[in-house]
Amino acid sequence: MKNLFGFCETWDASGTLELDQTAELSAGVEMPRIGAIPTPLMAQISSLSEHWLKSSLKEHLMGVSVGLLSTMNHNLAYNLTW
């Protein structure tokens, strides 16, 4: 989706469900340079759940990514996963 709130932002969401009971969800937003902010803003959240069928192991990961600085050739982002 684009321009939902009138700031030329781009929203995205995706989901995956695989046969081996792996599920992944992700949602994010990206906004261009606005006013005095010299760099585009970007934020994304994600969740991964995986169940190994041949053992009792289950994995759950969640994460957040925030864009800190973006130029024409380079991007700097902070990623946190738990």
N, C-alpha and C. Protein backbone atom coordinates (compact mmCIF):
# COMPACT_ATOMS: atom_id res chain seq x y z
N MET A 1 0.85 -1.17 0.00
CA MET A 1 0.00 0.00 0.00
C MET A 1 0.89 1.23 0.00
N LYS A 2 0.48 2.22 -0.70
CA LYS A 2 1.25 3.45 -0.76
C LYS A 2 0.38 4.63 -0.38
N ASN A 3 0.99 5.59 0.31
CA ASN A 3 0.38 6.88 0.63
C ASN A 3 -0.91 6.73 1.45
N LEU A 4 -0.91 5.86 2.43
CA LEU A 4 -2.08 5.64 3.27
C LEU A 4 -2.41 6.85 4.13
N PHE A 5 -1.39 7.53 4.68
CA PHE A 5 -1.61 8.69 5.54
C PHE A 5 -1.22 10.01 4.87
N GLY A 6 -0.87 9.99 3.59
CA GLY A 6 -0.57 11.21 2.86
C GLY A 6 0.87 11.69 2.98
N PHE A 7 1.78 10.85 3.46
CA PHE A 7 3.19 11.23 3.59
C PHE A 7 4.06 10.51 2.56
N CYS A 8 3.49 9.96 1.52
CA CYS A 8 4.21 9.19 0.49
C CYS A 8 4.89 7.95 1.07
N GLU A 9 4.32 7.40 2.13
CA GLU A 9 4.91 6.23 2.76
C GLU A 9 4.53 4.96 2.00
N THR A 10 5.34 3.93 2.18
CA THR A 10 5.09 2.63 1.58
C THR A 10 4.97 1.60 2.70
N TRP A 11 3.86 0.89 2.74
CA TRP A 11 3.60 -0.15 3.74
C TRP A 11 3.73 -1.51 3.06
N ASP A 12 4.30 -2.48 3.76
CA ASP A 12 4.35 -3.83 3.20
C ASP A 12 4.12 -4.85 4.30
N ALA A 13 3.56 -5.96 3.92
CA ALA A 13 3.32 -7.07 4.84
C ALA A 13 3.45 -8.37 4.06
N SER A 14 3.98 -9.40 4.72
CA SER A 14 4.10 -10.69 4.06
C SER A 14 3.95 -11.80 5.09
N GLY A 15 3.57 -12.94 4.62
CA GLY A 15 3.41 -14.11 5.47
C GLY A 15 3.72 -15.37 4.70
N THR A 16 4.27 -16.35 5.39
CA THR A 16 4.64 -17.62 4.77
C THR A 16 4.25 -18.76 5.70
N LEU A 17 3.64 -19.78 5.15
CA LEU A 17 3.33 -21.01 5.89
C LEU A 17 3.81 -22.17 5.03
N GLU A 18 4.77 -22.93 5.57
CA GLU A 18 5.37 -24.01 4.80
C GLU A 18 4.86 -25.36 5.28
N LEU A 19 5.12 -26.40 4.50
CA LEU A 19 4.64 -27.74 4.82
C LEU A 19 5.27 -28.33 6.08
N ASP A 20 6.47 -27.89 6.43
CA ASP A 20 7.13 -28.41 7.63
C ASP A 20 6.77 -27.61 8.88
N GLN A 21 5.63 -26.96 8.88
CA GLN A 21 5.07 -26.19 9.99
C GLN A 21 5.95 -25.01 10.39
N THR A 22 6.52 -24.34 9.41
CA THR A 22 7.26 -23.10 9.62
C THR A 22 6.36 -21.95 9.21
N ALA A 23 6.24 -20.95 10.07
CA ALA A 23 5.42 -19.78 9.77
C ALA A 23 6.25 -18.52 9.98
N GLU A 24 6.14 -17.59 9.05
CA GLU A 24 6.86 -16.33 9.15
C GLU A 24 5.93 -15.19 8.79
N LEU A 25 5.91 -14.14 9.61
CA LEU A 25 5.11 -12.95 9.37
C LEU A 25 6.02 -11.73 9.44
N SER A 26 5.74 -10.73 8.60
CA SER A 26 6.55 -9.53 8.58
C SER A 26 5.70 -8.35 8.16
N ALA A 27 5.96 -7.18 8.75
CA ALA A 27 5.26 -5.95 8.39
C ALA A 27 6.24 -4.79 8.53
N GLY A 28 6.11 -3.81 7.64
CA GLY A 28 7.04 -2.69 7.70
C GLY A 28 6.49 -1.46 7.02
N VAL A 29 7.17 -0.34 7.26
CA VAL A 29 6.80 0.94 6.66
C VAL A 29 8.09 1.70 6.32
N GLU A 30 8.05 2.43 5.21
CA GLU A 30 9.17 3.27 4.80
C GLU A 30 8.62 4.62 4.39
N MET A 31 9.21 5.69 4.94
CA MET A 31 8.76 7.04 4.63
C MET A 31 9.93 7.82 4.04
N PRO A 32 9.69 8.62 3.01
CA PRO A 32 10.77 9.41 2.41
C PRO A 32 11.17 10.57 3.33
N ARG A 33 12.12 11.35 2.88
CA ARG A 33 12.55 12.52 3.64
C ARG A 33 11.37 13.47 3.83
N ILE A 34 11.14 13.86 5.07
CA ILE A 34 10.02 14.76 5.38
C ILE A 34 10.56 15.96 6.14
N GLY A 35 10.30 17.16 5.65
CA GLY A 35 10.67 18.38 6.35
C GLY A 35 12.14 18.44 6.71
N ALA A 36 12.42 18.61 7.99
CA ALA A 36 13.79 18.78 8.47
C ALA A 36 14.52 17.46 8.68
N ILE A 37 13.83 16.33 8.55
CA ILE A 37 14.48 15.03 8.73
C ILE A 37 15.28 14.72 7.46
N PRO A 38 16.62 14.63 7.57
CA PRO A 38 17.44 14.51 6.36
C PRO A 38 17.51 13.11 5.76
N THR A 39 16.95 12.11 6.41
CA THR A 39 17.07 10.73 5.93
C THR A 39 15.71 10.05 5.93
N PRO A 40 15.47 9.12 5.03
CA PRO A 40 14.20 8.38 5.05
C PRO A 40 14.06 7.56 6.33
N LEU A 41 12.83 7.36 6.77
CA LEU A 41 12.55 6.56 7.96
C LEU A 41 12.08 5.18 7.54
N MET A 42 12.55 4.14 8.26
CA MET A 42 12.18 2.77 7.94
C MET A 42 12.03 1.99 9.24
N ALA A 43 10.98 1.19 9.34
CA ALA A 43 10.79 0.31 10.49
C ALA A 43 10.14 -0.98 10.01
N GLN A 44 10.54 -2.10 10.61
CA GLN A 44 9.99 -3.39 10.23
C GLN A 44 9.98 -4.31 11.44
N ILE A 45 8.92 -5.11 11.57
CA ILE A 45 8.84 -6.13 12.62
C ILE A 45 8.65 -7.48 11.95
N SER A 46 9.14 -8.53 12.60
CA SER A 46 9.01 -9.87 12.02
C SER A 46 8.88 -10.91 13.12
N SER A 47 8.29 -12.03 12.76
CA SER A 47 8.12 -13.16 13.68
C SER A 47 8.31 -14.45 12.89
N LEU A 48 9.06 -15.38 13.46
CA LEU A 48 9.31 -16.68 12.84
C LEU A 48 9.03 -17.77 13.86
N SER A 49 8.26 -18.76 13.47
CA SER A 49 7.96 -19.90 14.33
C SER A 49 8.24 -21.17 13.54
N GLU A 50 9.06 -22.04 14.11
CA GLU A 50 9.45 -23.25 13.39
C GLU A 50 9.33 -24.45 14.33
N HIS A 51 8.71 -25.52 13.85
CA HIS A 51 8.53 -26.74 14.63
C HIS A 51 9.19 -27.87 13.86
N TRP A 52 10.22 -28.45 14.44
CA TRP A 52 10.91 -29.55 13.79
C TRP A 52 10.10 -30.82 13.99
N LEU A 53 9.63 -31.43 12.91
CA LEU A 53 8.74 -32.58 12.99
C LEU A 53 9.42 -33.84 13.52
N LYS A 54 10.72 -33.99 13.29
CA LYS A 54 11.40 -35.21 13.69
C LYS A 54 11.95 -35.14 15.12
N SER A 55 11.75 -34.02 15.80
CA SER A 55 12.18 -33.90 17.19
C SER A 55 11.21 -32.98 17.92
N SER A 56 11.46 -32.76 19.19
CA SER A 56 10.56 -31.91 19.98
C SER A 56 11.00 -30.45 19.99
N LEU A 57 11.96 -30.09 19.15
CA LEU A 57 12.49 -28.74 19.13
C LEU A 57 11.52 -27.76 18.47
N LYS A 58 11.25 -26.67 19.15
CA LYS A 58 10.44 -25.59 18.59
C LYS A 58 11.23 -24.30 18.70
N GLU A 59 11.23 -23.51 17.65
CA GLU A 59 11.94 -22.23 17.65
C GLU A 59 10.94 -21.10 17.45
N HIS A 60 11.15 -20.01 18.17
CA HIS A 60 10.35 -18.81 18.01
C HIS A 60 11.30 -17.62 18.00
N LEU A 61 11.30 -16.85 16.95
CA LEU A 61 12.14 -15.65 16.85
C LEU A 61 11.25 -14.45 16.57
N MET A 62 11.57 -13.34 17.20
CA MET A 62 10.89 -12.08 16.92
C MET A 62 11.97 -11.04 16.70
N GLY A 63 11.68 -10.06 15.86
CA GLY A 63 12.69 -9.06 15.58
C GLY A 63 12.12 -7.71 15.21
N VAL A 64 12.96 -6.70 15.40
CA VAL A 64 12.62 -5.32 15.04
C VAL A 64 13.82 -4.75 14.30
N SER A 65 13.56 -4.03 13.23
CA SER A 65 14.61 -3.36 12.48
C SER A 65 14.21 -1.91 12.28
N VAL A 66 15.13 -0.99 12.58
CA VAL A 66 14.86 0.44 12.44
C VAL A 66 15.99 1.05 11.63
N GLY A 67 15.65 1.75 10.55
CA GLY A 67 16.65 2.44 9.75
C GLY A 67 17.12 3.70 10.44
N LEU A 68 18.43 3.86 10.60
CA LEU A 68 18.98 5.02 11.29
C LEU A 68 19.48 6.09 10.33
N LEU A 69 20.13 5.67 9.25
CA LEU A 69 20.72 6.60 8.30
C LEU A 69 20.68 5.98 6.92
N SER A 70 20.32 6.76 5.94
CA SER A 70 20.25 6.25 4.58
C SER A 70 20.75 7.32 3.62
N THR A 71 21.72 6.95 2.79
CA THR A 71 22.19 7.83 1.73
C THR A 71 21.93 7.12 0.42
N MET A 72 22.39 7.70 -0.65
CA MET A 72 22.14 7.11 -1.95
C MET A 72 22.80 5.73 -2.11
N ASN A 73 23.96 5.54 -1.47
CA ASN A 73 24.71 4.30 -1.65
C ASN A 73 24.80 3.42 -0.41
N HIS A 74 24.46 3.95 0.78
CA HIS A 74 24.64 3.20 2.01
C HIS A 74 23.42 3.32 2.91
N ASN A 75 23.18 2.28 3.70
CA ASN A 75 22.12 2.27 4.70
C ASN A 75 22.70 1.79 6.03
N LEU A 76 22.26 2.40 7.12
CA LEU A 76 22.64 1.98 8.45
C LEU A 76 21.37 1.68 9.22
N ALA A 77 21.24 0.46 9.73
CA ALA A 77 20.02 0.04 10.43
C ALA A 77 20.40 -0.66 11.73
N TYR A 78 19.49 -0.62 12.70
CA TYR A 78 19.65 -1.32 13.96
C TYR A 78 18.69 -2.49 13.96
N ASN A 79 19.20 -3.70 14.16
CA ASN A 79 18.38 -4.92 14.19
C ASN A 79 18.43 -5.53 15.58
N LEU A 80 17.28 -5.86 16.11
CA LEU A 80 17.17 -6.51 17.42
C LEU A 80 16.31 -7.75 17.25
N THR A 81 16.85 -8.92 17.63
CA THR A 81 16.12 -10.18 17.52
C THR A 81 16.20 -10.91 18.85
N TRP A 82 15.11 -11.47 19.25
CA TRP A 82 15.08 -12.26 20.48
C TRP A 82 14.26 -13.50 20.29
